[in-house]
């Protein structure tokens, strides 16, 4: 009796293995590199660096403020480059 139960389970497991389709969570497309560009900005706020344990003033002036300055610099640089590219003859 035990053999019939195990044989039935083995047949069912084999059938299930052949009938299984890829799960929806699996990516069926080929791998693509992340599309981070030069000057890419994280969607997280720089103010989250204020939560780092330690002196809040040091965290602000050493971590938060430079990130805002870097973002401003990258935006100005991108606008300058776009302006130059728009002036080029096509």
Protein backbone atom coordinates (compact mmCIF):
# COMPACT_ATOMS: atom_id res chain seq x y z
CA UNK A 1 0.00 0.00 0.00
CA UNK A 2 2.81 2.36 0.88
CA UNK A 3 4.42 1.76 -2.53
CA UNK A 4 1.28 2.79 -4.38
CA UNK A 5 1.07 6.02 -2.42
CA UNK A 6 4.75 6.80 -3.04
CA UNK A 7 4.46 5.84 -6.72
CA UNK A 8 1.42 8.10 -7.11
CA UNK A 9 3.26 10.93 -5.39
CA UNK A 10 6.29 10.41 -7.66
CA UNK A 11 4.10 10.49 -10.78
CA UNK A 12 2.35 13.63 -9.55
CA UNK A 13 5.67 15.34 -8.73
CA UNK A 14 7.07 14.44 -12.16
CA UNK A 15 3.94 15.72 -13.91
CA UNK A 16 4.07 18.91 -11.85
CA UNK A 17 7.72 19.41 -12.79
CA UNK A 18 6.97 19.15 -16.51
CA UNK A 19 3.80 21.23 -16.36
CA UNK A 20 5.26 24.10 -14.34
CA UNK A 21 5.52 27.43 -16.11
CA UNK A 22 7.84 30.27 -15.15
CA UNK A 23 6.54 32.22 -12.19
CA UNK A 24 5.32 35.76 -12.86
CA UNK A 25 8.01 37.11 -10.53
CA UNK A 26 10.77 35.72 -12.72
CA UNK A 27 12.18 38.04 -15.34
CA UNK A 28 11.92 36.44 -18.77
CA UNK A 29 13.70 39.32 -20.52
CA UNK A 30 17.46 39.48 -20.95
CA UNK A 31 19.48 41.39 -18.38
CA UNK A 32 19.72 45.14 -18.92
CA UNK A 33 22.17 47.44 -17.24
CA UNK A 34 20.65 50.04 -14.91
CA UNK A 35 20.12 53.33 -16.70
CA UNK A 36 21.95 55.56 -14.28
CA UNK A 37 23.34 58.55 -16.08
CA UNK A 38 26.07 60.94 -15.13
CA UNK A 39 24.66 63.14 -12.41
CA UNK A 40 21.91 60.68 -11.51
CA UNK A 41 20.08 61.73 -8.36
CA UNK A 42 18.73 59.34 -5.81
CA UNK A 43 15.00 59.60 -5.14
CA UNK A 44 15.76 59.70 -1.42
CA UNK A 45 16.07 62.99 0.38
CA UNK A 46 19.52 64.09 1.56
CA UNK A 47 17.85 65.02 4.83
CA UNK A 48 17.81 61.30 5.69
CA UNK A 49 21.53 61.71 6.47
CA UNK A 50 20.46 63.75 9.48
CA UNK A 51 19.31 60.49 11.08
CA UNK A 52 22.88 59.20 11.30
CA UNK A 53 23.88 59.07 14.98
CA UNK A 54 26.24 61.82 16.01
CA UNK A 55 26.36 65.58 15.93
CA UNK A 56 23.46 66.96 13.87
CA UNK A 57 25.43 70.03 12.76
CA UNK A 58 28.27 67.89 11.45
CA UNK A 59 25.80 65.64 9.64
CA UNK A 60 24.10 68.64 8.04
CA UNK A 61 27.20 70.55 6.92
CA UNK A 62 29.25 67.47 5.99
CA UNK A 63 26.58 65.29 4.37
CA UNK A 64 23.33 67.11 3.58
CA UNK A 65 24.50 70.49 2.34
CA UNK A 66 27.17 69.09 -0.06
CA UNK A 67 24.55 66.85 -1.67
CA UNK A 68 22.30 69.83 -2.35
CA UNK A 69 25.28 71.75 -3.77
CA UNK A 70 26.21 68.77 -5.94
CA UNK A 71 22.65 68.53 -7.28
CA UNK A 72 22.61 72.25 -8.06
CA UNK A 73 25.99 71.97 -9.82
CA UNK A 74 24.86 69.02 -11.94
CA UNK A 75 21.63 70.80 -12.92
CA UNK A 76 23.55 73.94 -13.95
CA UNK A 77 26.09 71.86 -15.85
CA UNK A 78 23.37 69.93 -17.69
CA UNK A 79 21.62 73.18 -18.63
CA UNK A 80 24.91 74.60 -19.92
CA UNK A 81 25.63 71.50 -21.99
CA UNK A 82 22.08 71.50 -23.40
CA UNK A 83 22.45 75.18 -24.31
CA UNK A 84 25.71 74.48 -26.13
CA UNK A 85 24.21 71.48 -27.93
CA UNK A 86 21.22 73.57 -29.03
CA UNK A 87 23.55 76.18 -30.55
CA UNK A 88 25.40 73.64 -32.69
CA UNK A 89 24.36 73.46 -36.35
CA UNK A 90 22.42 70.37 -37.19
